[in-house]
Amino acid sequence: MITIRGGKQHHKDIAQITIDWAISRLGLSETDFEIVLVIQALDGYFGECSPARDVDHPPGLGPARRYSIKINPDQPIRDFVGTIIHEMIHVRQYLEGEWTHDGERECGELEMLLTDELWGQGLI
């Protein structure tokens, strides 16, 4: 389930399209998880992803299934899309338990490559 809060309607529409595409492209379609994406101004950065605090999922029981993503709308649309994809790669890393160092290298290598792929499909 995906919940999107905040931002203007066009930001929400773009976020929904991007998340749906990323779930499919990153091979997460068969995985059960929830995302709450909040579009809001962030001081000095463009996005973040973290497992949502969940009393029903104590530490030590495998990967969390709820994730909180925050995205700063104050960036060009292509970068907004790239930031969402970047954070969705972190969701995949959390779900698969596969991180190299802090996970940023993989995100940095893939985010604009995947953004261009999505952009080329004319969905946004």
Protein backbone atom coordinates (compact mmCIF):
# COMPACT_ATOMS: atom_id res chain seq x y z
CA MET A 1 0.00 0.00 0.00
CA ILE A 2 1.21 3.48 -0.86
CA THR A 3 0.12 6.60 1.00
CA ILE A 4 1.20 10.02 -0.28
CA ARG A 5 0.80 13.13 1.87
CA GLY A 6 1.65 16.78 1.40
CA GLY A 7 2.76 18.60 -1.71
CA LYS A 8 0.71 19.88 -4.59
CA GLN A 9 -1.47 17.57 -6.65
CA HIS A 10 1.04 17.40 -9.52
CA HIS A 11 3.75 16.31 -7.07
CA LYS A 12 1.45 13.58 -5.73
CA ASP A 13 0.61 12.40 -9.26
CA ILE A 14 4.27 12.25 -10.27
CA ALA A 15 5.19 10.50 -7.02
CA GLN A 16 2.50 7.85 -7.53
CA ILE A 17 3.60 7.13 -11.10
CA THR A 18 7.24 6.99 -10.06
CA ILE A 19 6.68 4.69 -7.08
CA ASP A 20 4.47 2.33 -9.10
CA TRP A 21 7.10 2.19 -11.86
CA ALA A 22 9.97 1.71 -9.37
CA ILE A 23 8.18 -1.13 -7.60
CA SER A 24 7.87 -2.95 -10.90
CA ARG A 25 11.34 -2.07 -12.24
CA LEU A 26 13.15 -2.92 -9.00
CA GLY A 27 11.44 -6.32 -8.79
CA LEU A 28 9.35 -5.55 -5.72
CA SER A 29 5.91 -6.36 -7.16
CA GLU A 30 5.65 -9.67 -5.34
CA THR A 31 6.84 -8.27 -2.01
CA ASP A 32 4.39 -7.20 0.68
CA PHE A 33 5.29 -3.79 2.13
CA GLU A 34 3.86 -0.33 2.78
CA ILE A 35 5.21 3.11 1.93
CA VAL A 36 4.18 6.43 3.42
CA LEU A 37 5.65 9.19 1.27
CA VAL A 38 5.53 12.74 2.61
CA ILE A 39 6.23 15.63 0.25
CA GLN A 40 7.58 18.49 2.35
CA ALA A 41 10.36 21.04 2.52
CA LEU A 42 13.54 19.53 3.94
CA ASP A 43 16.38 21.65 5.26
CA GLY A 44 19.55 21.02 3.25
CA TYR A 45 18.67 17.72 1.58
CA PHE A 46 16.25 16.30 -0.98
CA GLY A 47 15.03 12.99 0.43
CA GLU A 48 15.27 10.28 3.04
CA CYS A 49 14.03 6.77 3.60
CA SER A 50 13.77 4.83 6.83
CA PRO A 51 11.88 1.89 8.23
CA ALA A 52 8.72 3.23 9.87
CA ARG A 53 8.54 2.83 13.61
CA ASP A 54 6.23 -0.10 14.09
CA VAL A 55 5.24 -1.59 17.44
CA ASP A 56 4.00 -4.69 15.61
CA HIS A 57 7.48 -5.38 14.19
CA PRO A 58 10.07 -5.47 16.96
CA PRO A 59 13.78 -5.42 16.06
CA GLY A 60 15.36 -8.75 15.19
CA LEU A 61 12.41 -10.18 13.23
CA GLY A 62 13.78 -9.62 9.73
CA PRO A 63 13.21 -6.64 7.45
CA ALA A 64 10.55 -4.12 8.32
CA ARG A 65 7.58 -3.98 5.98
CA ARG A 66 6.68 -0.30 6.46
CA TYR A 67 8.84 2.52 5.16
CA SER A 68 8.70 6.27 5.54
CA ILE A 69 10.00 8.38 2.65
CA LYS A 70 10.29 12.16 2.73
CA ILE A 71 10.84 14.09 -0.50
CA ASN A 72 11.62 17.78 -0.89
CA PRO A 73 9.45 19.27 -3.68
CA ASP A 74 11.81 22.24 -4.09
CA GLN A 75 13.80 20.74 -6.98
CA PRO A 76 13.36 20.35 -10.73
CA ILE A 77 10.83 17.64 -11.68
CA ARG A 78 13.50 15.33 -13.15
CA ASP A 79 15.46 15.57 -9.88
CA PHE A 80 12.24 15.07 -7.88
CA VAL A 81 11.67 11.82 -9.81
CA GLY A 82 15.33 10.83 -9.36
CA THR A 83 15.10 11.41 -5.62
CA ILE A 84 12.03 9.19 -5.35
CA ILE A 85 13.82 6.46 -7.31
CA HIS A 86 16.88 6.89 -5.07
CA GLU A 87 14.73 6.36 -1.98
CA MET A 88 12.95 3.38 -3.57
CA ILE A 89 16.36 1.75 -4.11
CA HIS A 90 16.86 2.15 -0.34
CA VAL A 91 13.50 0.41 0.20
CA ARG A 92 14.76 -2.49 -1.91
CA GLN A 93 18.02 -2.54 0.06
CA TYR A 94 16.09 -2.69 3.36
CA LEU A 95 13.79 -5.45 2.09
CA GLU A 96 16.61 -7.56 0.67
CA GLY A 97 19.02 -6.83 3.51
CA GLU A 98 21.71 -6.06 0.93
CA TRP A 99 23.68 -2.92 1.69
CA THR A 100 27.19 -2.06 0.71
CA HIS A 101 28.54 0.46 3.22
CA ASP A 102 25.72 2.99 3.58
CA GLY A 103 23.91 2.01 0.36
CA GLU A 104 24.48 5.40 -1.25
CA ARG A 105 26.87 4.16 -3.93
CA GLU A 106 24.27 1.86 -5.49
CA CYS A 107 21.66 4.61 -5.33
CA GLY A 108 24.01 7.13 -6.89
CA GLU A 109 24.89 4.76 -9.72
CA LEU A 110 21.28 3.87 -10.52
CA GLU A 111 19.04 6.83 -9.70
CA MET A 112 19.50 8.93 -12.86
CA LEU A 113 19.94 5.89 -15.11
CA LEU A 114 16.53 4.65 -13.94
CA THR A 115 15.09 8.17 -14.03
CA ASP A 116 16.08 8.45 -17.69
CA GLU A 117 14.55 5.03 -18.37
CA LEU A 118 11.25 6.10 -16.77
CA TRP A 119 11.38 9.48 -18.52
CA GLY A 120 11.96 7.75 -21.88
CA GLN A 121 8.79 5.74 -21.46
CA GLY A 122 6.74 8.95 -21.51
CA LEU A 123 4.93 8.22 -18.26
CA ILE A 124 5.75 11.63 -16.83
